[in-house]
N, C-alpha and C. Protein backbone atom coordinates (compact mmCIF):
# COMPACT_ATOMS: atom_id res chain seq x y z
N MET A 1 32.81 10.16 0.47
CA MET A 1 31.46 9.79 0.79
C MET A 1 31.68 9.37 2.62
N SER A 2 30.70 9.36 3.27
CA SER A 2 30.79 9.03 4.67
C SER A 2 30.81 7.86 5.46
N ASP A 3 31.43 7.17 6.16
CA ASP A 3 31.43 6.08 7.05
C ASP A 3 29.72 5.43 6.77
N SER A 4 28.56 5.95 6.89
CA SER A 4 27.31 5.58 7.19
C SER A 4 27.22 5.02 5.63
N ASN A 5 27.10 6.18 4.68
CA ASN A 5 27.10 5.93 3.51
C ASN A 5 27.86 4.56 3.12
N ALA A 6 29.05 4.27 3.00
CA ALA A 6 30.10 3.13 2.81
C ALA A 6 29.32 1.65 3.50
N ARG A 7 28.64 1.72 4.66
CA ARG A 7 27.92 0.67 5.00
C ARG A 7 26.70 0.01 4.31
N HIS A 8 26.41 0.97 3.33
CA HIS A 8 25.26 0.59 2.24
C HIS A 8 25.63 0.70 0.86
N PRO A 9 26.24 0.05 0.12
CA PRO A 9 26.40 -0.07 -0.72
C PRO A 9 25.40 -0.10 -2.08
N ALA A 10 24.31 -0.91 -1.77
CA ALA A 10 23.16 -1.08 -2.65
C ALA A 10 22.45 0.61 -2.61
N LEU A 11 22.55 1.41 -1.44
CA LEU A 11 21.74 2.60 -1.23
C LEU A 11 22.90 3.52 -2.14
N ASP A 12 23.77 3.19 -2.08
CA ASP A 12 24.69 4.12 -2.78
C ASP A 12 24.80 3.85 -4.13
N PHE A 13 24.75 2.79 -4.63
CA PHE A 13 24.35 2.29 -6.05
C PHE A 13 23.12 3.11 -6.60
N LEU A 14 21.76 2.84 -5.94
CA LEU A 14 21.03 3.75 -6.44
C LEU A 14 20.98 5.03 -6.27
N ALA A 15 21.96 5.24 -5.72
CA ALA A 15 21.62 7.12 -5.43
C ALA A 15 22.32 7.16 -6.77
N LEU A 16 23.88 6.68 -7.29
CA LEU A 16 24.29 6.90 -8.30
C LEU A 16 23.41 6.89 -9.90
N PHE A 17 23.10 5.61 -9.60
CA PHE A 17 22.22 5.29 -10.82
C PHE A 17 20.65 6.42 -11.04
N LEU A 18 20.41 6.97 -9.86
CA LEU A 18 18.92 7.69 -10.13
C LEU A 18 19.82 9.18 -10.68
N SER A 19 20.80 9.24 -9.97
CA SER A 19 21.57 10.83 -10.64
C SER A 19 22.27 10.75 -11.77
N ALA A 20 22.13 9.70 -12.52
CA ALA A 20 23.04 9.32 -13.82
C ALA A 20 21.93 9.40 -14.67
N VAL A 21 20.44 8.56 -14.42
CA VAL A 21 19.55 8.41 -15.16
C VAL A 21 18.93 9.86 -15.33
N LEU A 22 18.47 10.53 -14.08
CA LEU A 22 17.55 11.84 -14.22
C LEU A 22 18.31 12.95 -14.33
N SER A 23 19.95 12.87 -14.58
CA SER A 23 20.60 14.25 -15.48
C SER A 23 20.33 14.48 -16.10
N PRO A 24 20.31 15.77 -16.32
CA PRO A 24 20.02 17.24 -17.34
C PRO A 24 20.68 16.15 -19.06
N PHE A 25 21.93 15.53 -18.58
CA PHE A 25 22.67 15.40 -20.06
C PHE A 25 21.63 14.04 -20.40
N LEU A 26 20.89 13.14 -19.96
CA LEU A 26 20.16 12.22 -20.40
C LEU A 26 18.58 12.68 -20.45
N CYS A 27 17.83 12.94 -19.43
CA CYS A 27 16.53 13.30 -19.32
C CYS A 27 16.24 14.27 -20.29
N VAL A 28 17.33 15.63 -20.39
CA VAL A 28 16.47 16.59 -21.37
C VAL A 28 16.29 16.10 -22.94
N PRO A 29 17.14 15.30 -23.46
CA PRO A 29 16.92 14.82 -24.85
C PRO A 29 15.45 13.88 -25.10
N TYR A 30 15.47 13.50 -23.91
CA TYR A 30 13.71 12.73 -23.92
C TYR A 30 13.04 13.99 -23.56
N PHE A 31 13.00 14.32 -22.81
CA PHE A 31 11.81 15.65 -22.74
C PHE A 31 11.57 16.31 -23.94
N CYS A 32 12.74 16.50 -24.73
CA CYS A 32 12.94 17.40 -25.88
C CYS A 32 11.77 16.76 -26.98
N THR A 33 11.77 15.67 -27.07
CA THR A 33 11.01 14.46 -27.76
C THR A 33 9.43 14.44 -27.71
N VAL A 34 9.46 14.63 -25.94
CA VAL A 34 7.61 14.38 -25.88
C VAL A 34 7.25 16.44 -26.39
N PHE A 35 8.34 17.36 -26.04
CA PHE A 35 8.09 18.79 -26.09
C PHE A 35 7.37 19.07 -27.93
N ALA A 36 8.11 18.00 -28.51
CA ALA A 36 7.99 18.03 -29.82
C ALA A 36 7.33 17.51 -30.32
N ARG A 37 6.80 16.23 -29.88
CA ARG A 37 5.47 15.36 -30.49
C ARG A 37 4.23 16.20 -29.66
N ALA A 38 4.52 16.95 -28.91
CA ALA A 38 2.76 17.18 -28.37
C ALA A 38 2.61 18.56 -28.86
N THR A 39 3.74 19.47 -29.27
CA THR A 39 3.23 20.39 -30.24
C THR A 39 3.16 20.82 -31.60
N ALA A 40 4.19 19.43 -32.64
CA ALA A 40 4.27 19.72 -33.83
C ALA A 40 3.09 19.24 -34.59
N ARG A 41 3.44 19.71 -35.44
CA ARG A 41 1.84 19.98 -36.51
C ARG A 41 1.78 19.13 -37.52
N SER A 42 2.88 18.41 -37.73
CA SER A 42 3.30 17.47 -38.39
C SER A 42 4.29 16.02 -38.09
N ASP A 43 4.31 15.23 -39.00
CA ASP A 43 5.89 14.60 -38.36
C ASP A 43 7.14 14.81 -39.05
N GLN A 44 7.46 16.22 -40.07
CA GLN A 44 8.10 16.35 -40.57
C GLN A 44 9.07 17.40 -39.50
N GLU A 45 7.66 18.36 -39.06
CA GLU A 45 7.78 18.95 -38.29
C GLU A 45 8.38 18.83 -36.53
N PHE A 46 7.92 17.72 -36.60
CA PHE A 46 8.30 17.01 -34.78
C PHE A 46 9.86 16.72 -35.17
N TYR A 47 10.20 16.04 -36.60
CA TYR A 47 11.66 16.02 -35.80
C TYR A 47 12.31 16.97 -36.23
N LEU A 48 12.44 18.01 -36.70
CA LEU A 48 12.85 19.36 -36.91
C LEU A 48 12.88 20.19 -35.79
N LEU A 49 11.85 19.74 -34.78
CA LEU A 49 11.80 20.31 -33.68
C LEU A 49 12.61 20.10 -32.55
N ALA A 50 12.52 18.60 -32.46
CA ALA A 50 13.39 17.81 -31.70
C ALA A 50 14.66 17.69 -31.93
N ALA A 51 14.71 17.97 -32.97
CA ALA A 51 16.83 18.14 -33.60
C ALA A 51 17.27 19.47 -32.93
N LEU A 52 16.44 20.28 -32.98
CA LEU A 52 16.55 21.58 -32.86
C LEU A 52 16.66 21.72 -31.26
N CYS A 53 15.72 21.24 -30.18
CA CYS A 53 15.68 21.22 -28.72
C CYS A 53 17.10 20.52 -28.46
N ILE A 54 16.95 19.67 -28.97
CA ILE A 54 18.37 18.78 -28.35
C ILE A 54 19.80 19.15 -28.43
N LEU A 55 19.62 19.76 -30.11
CA LEU A 55 21.12 20.34 -30.02
C LEU A 55 21.42 21.23 -29.64
N LEU A 56 20.54 22.07 -29.46
CA LEU A 56 20.61 23.60 -28.69
C LEU A 56 20.70 23.72 -27.38
N SER A 57 19.75 23.00 -26.92
CA SER A 57 19.12 22.91 -25.43
C SER A 57 20.70 22.06 -24.67
N ILE A 58 20.42 21.25 -25.32
CA ILE A 58 21.82 20.60 -24.03
C ILE A 58 23.11 20.29 -25.20
N GLY A 59 23.13 20.34 -26.29
CA GLY A 59 24.50 19.56 -27.12
C GLY A 59 25.50 20.93 -26.80
N VAL A 60 24.67 22.24 -26.62
CA VAL A 60 25.93 23.34 -26.72
C VAL A 60 26.65 23.33 -25.35
N PRO A 61 25.99 23.57 -24.42
CA PRO A 61 26.33 22.92 -23.04
C PRO A 61 27.36 21.70 -22.54
N ALA A 62 26.62 20.71 -23.32
CA ALA A 62 27.43 19.24 -23.20
C ALA A 62 28.98 19.37 -23.89
N LEU A 63 28.82 19.94 -24.87
CA LEU A 63 30.24 20.21 -25.95
C LEU A 63 31.09 20.76 -24.91
N TYR A 64 30.47 22.02 -24.56
CA TYR A 64 31.19 23.35 -23.46
C TYR A 64 31.72 22.18 -22.39
N ILE A 65 31.47 21.28 -21.81
CA ILE A 65 31.47 20.72 -20.81
C ILE A 65 32.62 19.38 -20.71
N SER A 66 32.24 18.85 -21.81
CA SER A 66 32.89 18.12 -22.03
C SER A 66 34.88 18.50 -22.85
N TRP A 67 34.90 19.46 -23.38
CA TRP A 67 35.90 20.00 -23.78
C TRP A 67 36.79 20.00 -22.88
N HIS A 68 35.73 21.52 -21.78
CA HIS A 68 37.02 21.31 -20.72
C HIS A 68 36.91 20.64 -19.82
N VAL A 69 36.37 19.53 -19.32
CA VAL A 69 36.87 18.43 -18.63
C VAL A 69 37.94 17.48 -19.22
N TYR A 70 38.17 17.61 -20.34
CA TYR A 70 39.23 16.92 -21.39
C TYR A 70 40.35 17.88 -21.09
N ARG A 71 40.10 19.46 -21.17
CA ARG A 71 41.48 19.98 -21.11
C ARG A 71 41.28 19.94 -19.23
N GLY A 72 40.68 19.62 -18.57
CA GLY A 72 41.49 19.83 -17.06
C GLY A 72 40.74 20.99 -16.18
N ASN A 73 40.08 21.81 -17.13
CA ASN A 73 39.22 22.91 -16.25
C ASN A 73 38.24 22.90 -15.84
N ILE A 74 37.47 21.81 -16.05
CA ILE A 74 36.27 21.49 -14.97
C ILE A 74 36.67 20.09 -14.31
N THR A 75 36.17 19.93 -13.09
CA THR A 75 36.58 18.46 -12.64
C THR A 75 35.76 17.20 -13.24
N ASP A 76 34.42 17.46 -13.53
CA ASP A 76 33.75 16.31 -13.93
C ASP A 76 32.50 16.93 -14.96
N ILE A 77 32.06 16.06 -15.46
CA ILE A 77 30.99 16.14 -16.44
C ILE A 77 29.45 16.73 -15.46
N HIS A 78 29.04 16.54 -14.34
CA HIS A 78 28.13 16.99 -13.63
C HIS A 78 28.69 18.47 -13.29
N VAL A 79 29.69 18.80 -12.83
CA VAL A 79 29.93 20.38 -12.35
C VAL A 79 29.70 20.21 -11.43
N ARG A 80 30.23 19.30 -10.13
CA ARG A 80 29.92 19.60 -8.93
C ARG A 80 30.50 20.52 -8.11
N LEU A 81 31.65 20.95 -8.58
CA LEU A 81 32.15 22.21 -7.95
C LEU A 81 31.55 23.69 -8.42
N ARG A 82 30.84 24.17 -7.48
CA ARG A 82 30.34 25.45 -7.78
C ARG A 82 31.07 26.17 -8.73
N GLU A 83 31.97 26.75 -7.81
CA GLU A 83 33.02 27.56 -8.72
C GLU A 83 33.27 27.19 -10.12
N GLN A 84 33.28 26.27 -10.43
CA GLN A 84 33.33 25.79 -11.81
C GLN A 84 32.34 25.92 -13.10
N ARG A 85 31.02 26.65 -11.88
CA ARG A 85 29.70 26.56 -12.83
C ARG A 85 29.38 28.02 -14.00
N LYS A 86 30.21 28.73 -13.80
CA LYS A 86 30.39 30.03 -14.47
C LYS A 86 30.39 29.85 -15.69
N GLY A 87 31.10 28.93 -16.45
CA GLY A 87 31.22 28.63 -18.27
C GLY A 87 30.42 28.03 -18.62
N PRO A 88 29.86 26.77 -17.78
CA PRO A 88 28.94 26.04 -18.17
C PRO A 88 27.15 26.48 -18.27
N PHE A 89 27.42 27.27 -17.12
CA PHE A 89 25.90 28.67 -17.35
C PHE A 89 25.57 29.26 -18.44
N ARG A 90 27.11 29.56 -18.92
CA ARG A 90 26.27 30.73 -19.57
C ARG A 90 26.96 29.87 -21.25
N ALA A 91 26.99 29.00 -21.18
CA ALA A 91 27.04 27.78 -22.26
C ALA A 91 25.37 27.89 -22.97
N GLY A 92 24.93 27.06 -21.07
CA GLY A 92 23.53 26.60 -21.53
C GLY A 92 22.74 27.94 -22.11
N MET A 93 23.24 28.77 -21.56
CA MET A 93 22.32 30.27 -21.70
C MET A 93 22.18 30.76 -23.21
N ALA A 94 23.70 30.70 -23.87
CA ALA A 94 24.09 30.85 -25.22
C ALA A 94 23.39 29.75 -25.88
N GLY A 95 22.99 28.45 -25.63
CA GLY A 95 22.26 27.13 -26.67
C GLY A 95 20.99 27.61 -26.17
N LEU A 96 20.79 27.77 -25.02
CA LEU A 96 18.62 27.91 -24.78
C LEU A 96 18.53 29.52 -25.56
N GLY A 97 19.49 30.35 -25.71
CA GLY A 97 19.37 32.17 -26.61
C GLY A 97 18.83 31.63 -28.11
N LEU A 98 20.10 30.60 -28.20
CA LEU A 98 20.47 30.57 -29.98
C LEU A 98 18.36 29.49 -30.45
N LEU A 99 18.65 28.69 -29.27
CA LEU A 99 17.13 28.01 -29.39
C LEU A 99 15.97 28.80 -29.67
N CYS A 100 15.53 29.55 -28.82
CA CYS A 100 14.81 30.44 -28.81
C CYS A 100 14.47 31.13 -30.21
N LEU A 101 15.96 31.72 -30.38
CA LEU A 101 15.97 32.64 -32.04
C LEU A 101 15.15 31.64 -33.32
N SER A 102 15.81 30.74 -32.75
CA SER A 102 15.93 29.16 -34.09
C SER A 102 14.34 29.01 -33.92
N LEU A 103 13.79 28.96 -32.94
CA LEU A 103 12.04 28.53 -33.09
C LEU A 103 11.41 29.58 -33.42
N TRP A 104 11.48 30.99 -33.27
CA TRP A 104 10.89 31.71 -33.50
C TRP A 104 11.04 32.07 -35.16
N ALA A 105 12.61 31.62 -35.30
CA ALA A 105 12.11 32.19 -36.72
C ALA A 105 11.89 31.42 -37.73
N ILE A 106 11.49 29.75 -37.51
CA ILE A 106 10.98 29.02 -38.00
C ILE A 106 9.39 29.06 -37.91
N GLY A 107 9.23 29.88 -37.00
CA GLY A 107 7.40 29.65 -36.90
C GLY A 107 7.16 28.53 -36.31
N SER A 108 7.85 28.00 -35.45
CA SER A 108 7.14 26.82 -34.63
C SER A 108 6.17 27.24 -33.82
N PRO A 109 5.50 26.15 -32.97
CA PRO A 109 4.59 26.07 -32.22
C PRO A 109 4.76 27.18 -30.94
N GLY A 110 3.35 27.65 -31.24
CA GLY A 110 3.85 29.34 -29.99
C GLY A 110 4.07 28.74 -28.71
N ARG A 111 3.37 27.71 -28.08
CA ARG A 111 3.56 27.31 -26.64
C ARG A 111 5.01 26.61 -26.88
N LEU A 112 5.43 26.00 -27.76
CA LEU A 112 6.98 25.64 -27.83
C LEU A 112 7.52 26.55 -27.53
N THR A 113 7.99 27.81 -28.35
CA THR A 113 8.62 28.91 -28.34
C THR A 113 8.34 29.78 -26.71
N GLN A 114 7.11 29.65 -26.39
CA GLN A 114 7.14 30.36 -25.20
C GLN A 114 7.88 29.25 -23.60
N LEU A 115 7.44 27.91 -24.30
CA LEU A 115 8.77 27.16 -23.10
C LEU A 115 10.16 27.42 -23.06
N SER A 116 10.52 27.60 -24.36
CA SER A 116 11.75 27.47 -24.34
C SER A 116 12.39 29.26 -24.03
N GLY A 117 11.72 30.50 -24.30
CA GLY A 117 11.77 31.54 -23.59
C GLY A 117 11.77 31.60 -22.34
N LEU A 118 11.05 30.93 -21.66
CA LEU A 118 11.18 30.70 -20.20
C LEU A 118 11.83 30.23 -19.16
N LEU A 119 12.72 29.35 -20.06
CA LEU A 119 13.69 28.06 -19.34
C LEU A 119 15.28 29.48 -19.96
N PHE A 120 15.12 30.14 -20.98
CA PHE A 120 15.79 31.13 -21.26
C PHE A 120 16.17 32.15 -20.01
N ALA A 121 15.32 32.27 -19.79
CA ALA A 121 15.14 33.61 -18.79
C ALA A 121 15.23 33.01 -17.33
N GLN A 122 15.27 31.85 -17.29
CA GLN A 122 15.08 31.30 -15.79
C GLN A 122 17.09 31.16 -15.76
N SER A 123 17.58 30.66 -16.99
CA SER A 123 19.06 30.46 -16.57
C SER A 123 19.69 31.30 -15.81
N PHE A 124 19.00 32.94 -16.39
CA PHE A 124 19.88 33.92 -16.06
C PHE A 124 19.97 33.75 -14.16
N LEU A 125 18.33 33.68 -14.31
CA LEU A 125 18.47 33.69 -12.59
C LEU A 125 19.41 32.50 -11.88
N PHE A 126 18.98 31.40 -12.16
CA PHE A 126 20.16 30.25 -11.90
C PHE A 126 21.53 30.50 -11.53
N GLU A 127 21.72 31.10 -12.73
CA GLU A 127 23.12 31.31 -12.80
C GLU A 127 23.78 32.75 -11.63
N VAL A 128 22.84 33.83 -11.46
CA VAL A 128 23.15 34.34 -10.05
C VAL A 128 22.53 33.85 -9.00
N ILE A 129 22.20 32.97 -8.66
CA ILE A 129 21.68 32.15 -7.54
C ILE A 129 23.17 31.15 -7.43
N SER A 130 23.46 30.96 -8.23
CA SER A 130 24.59 29.79 -8.34
C SER A 130 26.12 30.60 -7.65
N ARG A 131 26.04 31.78 -7.99
CA ARG A 131 27.22 32.65 -7.84
C ARG A 131 27.71 31.90 -6.10
N SER A 132 26.47 31.84 -5.40
CA SER A 132 26.87 31.94 -4.19
C SER A 132 25.57 30.97 -3.29
N TRP A 133 25.31 30.31 -4.19
CA TRP A 133 24.64 28.64 -3.60
C TRP A 133 24.30 28.22 -4.57
N LYS A 134 24.82 26.88 -3.83
CA LYS A 134 24.95 25.36 -5.11
C LYS A 134 23.54 25.14 -4.86
N ILE A 135 22.41 25.91 -5.95
CA ILE A 135 21.23 25.11 -6.08
C ILE A 135 21.39 23.95 -6.91
N SER A 136 20.74 22.80 -6.84
CA SER A 136 20.57 21.64 -7.60
C SER A 136 19.95 22.04 -8.90
N MET A 137 21.20 21.57 -10.21
CA MET A 137 20.43 21.82 -11.46
C MET A 137 20.43 20.29 -11.88
N HIS A 138 20.16 19.55 -11.29
CA HIS A 138 19.47 18.16 -11.48
C HIS A 138 18.36 18.29 -11.47
N THR A 139 17.73 18.76 -10.06
CA THR A 139 16.46 18.71 -9.70
C THR A 139 15.51 20.29 -10.58
N SER A 140 16.54 20.97 -10.52
CA SER A 140 15.72 22.28 -11.29
C SER A 140 15.48 21.77 -12.84
N VAL A 141 16.42 21.04 -13.38
CA VAL A 141 15.91 20.90 -15.10
C VAL A 141 14.63 19.84 -14.73
N LEU A 142 14.77 18.69 -14.47
CA LEU A 142 13.57 17.50 -14.45
C LEU A 142 12.22 18.60 -13.79
N ALA A 143 12.67 19.45 -12.52
CA ALA A 143 11.08 20.30 -12.72
C ALA A 143 10.70 20.81 -13.62
N ALA A 144 11.62 21.53 -14.54
CA ALA A 144 11.47 22.34 -15.43
C ALA A 144 10.95 21.83 -16.61
N CYS A 145 11.08 20.54 -16.64
CA CYS A 145 10.67 19.35 -17.64
C CYS A 145 9.63 18.89 -17.59
N LEU A 146 9.25 18.74 -16.47
CA LEU A 146 7.84 18.05 -15.69
C LEU A 146 6.86 18.89 -15.88
N ALA A 147 7.20 20.16 -15.53
CA ALA A 147 6.26 21.20 -15.59
C ALA A 147 6.14 21.35 -17.29
N GLY A 148 7.08 21.69 -18.29
CA GLY A 148 6.17 21.59 -19.50
C GLY A 148 5.65 20.94 -19.88
N CYS A 149 6.17 18.93 -19.47
CA CYS A 149 5.09 18.08 -19.81
C CYS A 149 3.43 18.39 -19.62
N ILE A 150 3.63 18.56 -18.16
CA ILE A 150 1.81 19.02 -17.89
C ILE A 150 1.11 19.82 -18.35
N GLU A 151 2.12 20.82 -18.90
CA GLU A 151 1.42 21.79 -19.28
C GLU A 151 1.07 21.92 -21.05
N LEU A 152 1.98 20.96 -21.67
CA LEU A 152 2.15 21.16 -22.92
C LEU A 152 1.60 19.94 -23.67
N ALA A 153 2.49 18.25 -22.84
CA ALA A 153 1.68 17.29 -22.83
C ALA A 153 0.53 16.73 -22.07
N GLY A 154 -0.13 17.79 -21.32
CA GLY A 154 -1.32 17.25 -20.57
C GLY A 154 -0.67 15.95 -19.52
N TRP A 155 0.35 15.89 -19.34
CA TRP A 155 0.95 14.58 -18.02
C TRP A 155 0.24 14.99 -16.71
N SER A 156 0.10 14.00 -15.45
CA SER A 156 -0.80 13.90 -14.39
C SER A 156 0.14 15.18 -14.12
N THR A 157 -0.34 16.08 -12.57
CA THR A 157 0.89 16.40 -11.90
C THR A 157 1.66 15.43 -10.90
N GLY A 158 0.83 14.13 -10.85
CA GLY A 158 1.44 13.03 -10.29
C GLY A 158 2.84 13.16 -10.84
N CYS A 159 3.23 13.30 -11.72
CA CYS A 159 4.67 13.23 -12.49
C CYS A 159 5.33 13.92 -11.75
N MET A 160 5.31 15.14 -11.13
CA MET A 160 6.40 15.63 -9.90
C MET A 160 6.68 14.69 -9.04
N LEU A 161 6.13 13.57 -8.37
CA LEU A 161 6.96 12.58 -7.69
C LEU A 161 8.08 12.13 -7.75
N THR A 162 8.18 12.35 -9.27
CA THR A 162 9.29 11.72 -9.48
C THR A 162 11.40 12.53 -9.07
N ILE A 163 10.92 13.74 -8.83
CA ILE A 163 11.66 14.71 -8.11
C ILE A 163 12.35 14.46 -6.54
N VAL A 164 11.05 13.36 -5.67
CA VAL A 164 11.30 13.10 -4.14
C VAL A 164 12.42 12.40 -4.50
N PRO A 165 12.48 10.77 -5.34
CA PRO A 165 13.88 10.32 -5.54
C PRO A 165 15.13 10.57 -5.78
N LEU A 166 15.19 11.61 -6.84
CA LEU A 166 16.11 12.17 -7.03
C LEU A 166 16.79 13.42 -6.31
N CYS A 167 15.53 14.11 -5.30
CA CYS A 167 16.15 15.01 -4.36
C CYS A 167 17.30 13.75 -3.71
N TRP A 168 16.39 12.83 -2.96
CA TRP A 168 17.11 12.18 -1.74
C TRP A 168 18.81 11.61 -2.59
N ALA A 169 18.66 11.30 -4.10
CA ALA A 169 19.63 11.24 -4.41
C ALA A 169 20.89 11.70 -4.57
N ARG A 170 20.58 13.26 -4.89
CA ARG A 170 21.41 14.01 -5.00
C ARG A 170 22.19 14.44 -3.22
N HIS A 171 21.27 14.19 -2.69
CA HIS A 171 21.43 14.14 -0.48
C HIS A 171 22.25 13.21 -0.03
N HIS A 172 21.63 11.70 -1.05
CA HIS A 172 22.83 10.38 -0.30
C HIS A 172 23.83 10.66 -0.84
N ARG A 173 24.27 11.36 -2.00
CA ARG A 173 25.65 11.33 -2.54
C ARG A 173 26.61 12.57 -1.84
N GLY A 174 26.02 13.34 -1.21
CA GLY A 174 26.58 14.40 -0.26
C GLY A 174 26.82 15.60 -1.37
N ARG A 175 25.87 15.54 -2.45
CA ARG A 175 26.28 16.63 -3.70
C ARG A 175 25.58 17.91 -3.49
N HIS A 176 24.22 17.66 -2.67
CA HIS A 176 23.35 18.72 -2.43
C HIS A 176 22.79 18.51 -0.88
N THR A 177 22.45 19.21 -0.17
CA THR A 177 21.56 19.64 1.19
C THR A 177 19.80 19.46 0.66
N TRP A 178 18.77 19.05 1.23
CA TRP A 178 17.92 18.77 1.08
C TRP A 178 17.31 20.30 0.51
N GLY A 179 17.84 21.19 1.26
CA GLY A 179 17.38 22.55 1.20
C GLY A 179 17.44 22.88 -0.70
N GLN A 180 18.83 22.54 -1.07
CA GLN A 180 19.23 22.98 -1.94
C GLN A 180 18.91 21.74 -3.36
N ALA A 181 18.26 20.83 -3.20
CA ALA A 181 17.76 20.18 -3.83
C ALA A 181 16.22 20.47 -4.53
N PHE A 182 15.38 20.43 -3.10
CA PHE A 182 13.76 20.60 -2.84
C PHE A 182 14.05 22.05 -3.63
N GLY A 183 14.82 22.83 -3.08
CA GLY A 183 14.36 24.45 -3.64
C GLY A 183 14.69 24.51 -4.82
N GLY A 184 15.47 24.31 -5.70
CA GLY A 184 15.76 24.25 -7.02
C GLY A 184 14.59 23.91 -7.95
N ALA A 185 13.68 22.64 -7.25
CA ALA A 185 13.03 22.33 -8.09
C ALA A 185 11.70 22.88 -7.70
N ALA A 186 11.43 23.40 -6.94
CA ALA A 186 10.58 24.44 -6.25
C ALA A 186 10.30 25.50 -7.15
N LEU A 187 11.38 26.66 -6.91
CA LEU A 187 11.71 27.22 -8.05
C LEU A 187 11.52 27.40 -9.64
N SER A 188 12.04 26.31 -10.21
CA SER A 188 12.04 26.22 -11.43
C SER A 188 10.53 25.27 -11.71
N TYR A 189 10.13 24.92 -10.95
CA TYR A 189 8.44 24.62 -11.51
C TYR A 189 7.41 25.53 -10.94
N GLY A 190 7.70 26.50 -10.38
CA GLY A 190 6.90 27.81 -10.42
C GLY A 190 6.87 28.42 -11.46
N LEU A 191 8.47 28.76 -11.58
CA LEU A 191 8.79 29.66 -12.80
C LEU A 191 8.72 28.94 -14.33
N THR A 192 8.02 27.77 -14.74
CA THR A 192 7.29 27.18 -15.94
C THR A 192 6.04 27.43 -15.90
N VAL A 193 5.33 26.68 -14.61
CA VAL A 193 3.99 26.18 -14.89
C VAL A 193 3.32 27.53 -15.07
N TYR A 194 3.20 28.47 -13.94
CA TYR A 194 2.81 29.47 -14.02
C TYR A 194 2.70 30.50 -15.43
N PRO A 195 3.97 30.91 -15.35
CA PRO A 195 3.75 31.65 -16.64
C PRO A 195 3.41 30.52 -17.76
N LEU A 196 3.43 29.69 -17.98
CA LEU A 196 2.90 29.55 -19.24
C LEU A 196 1.16 29.19 -19.34
N ARG A 197 0.78 29.16 -18.15
CA ARG A 197 -0.92 29.36 -17.71
C ARG A 197 -1.46 30.88 -17.87
N TRP A 198 -0.15 31.52 -17.45
CA TRP A 198 -0.45 32.65 -17.87
C TRP A 198 -0.40 33.28 -18.95
N LEU A 199 0.43 32.75 -19.79
CA LEU A 199 0.47 33.20 -21.46
C LEU A 199 -0.71 32.60 -22.18
N ALA A 200 -0.78 31.38 -21.53
CA ALA A 200 -1.94 30.47 -22.43
C ALA A 200 -3.18 31.25 -22.45
N SER A 201 -3.84 32.11 -21.07
CA SER A 201 -5.00 32.75 -20.84
C SER A 201 -4.95 34.22 -21.97
N LEU A 202 -3.75 34.62 -22.60
CA LEU A 202 -3.96 36.07 -23.31
C LEU A 202 -4.40 35.80 -24.24
């Protein structure tokens, strides 16, 4: 942490708080329930969809990362070192792939299946980008989730303003540059919203 940051403990705490609360491990389960509620055709289906989305989209990579943090192969739960991201990315890709197959197999609502497929496809692109550039997955994941809420749950586009304080937090903590933070959010938003709108028009 820089001397400048050290003189502002309140800002340091705020940045840490935002990074934790808006991390994929906490925000993804919440958004999974939003997606499930917005698309489910019954209460029973809602519980099934929410459970599947949470367990496969975040549960698989979370278990992988937790195990490797315990074994000392990964430095921390947020995988801040770019060179340690290969395994977690592939675990996330596996989880999203299983989610797509599961949703398709049970005949889940089409919009939810489409969203899961788009996120699965995006995971390949972000894995490639991360090999040479530390794109922010905090902001990328939040942007994709908010984009999904806009398209599936009818949220206002104003919800995207949530990205701004998270970008600040990631930059303040020295985890990402502004470009890595906003770049990840912009790319993920565009690759979620516009394909969903195109699919809806078919």
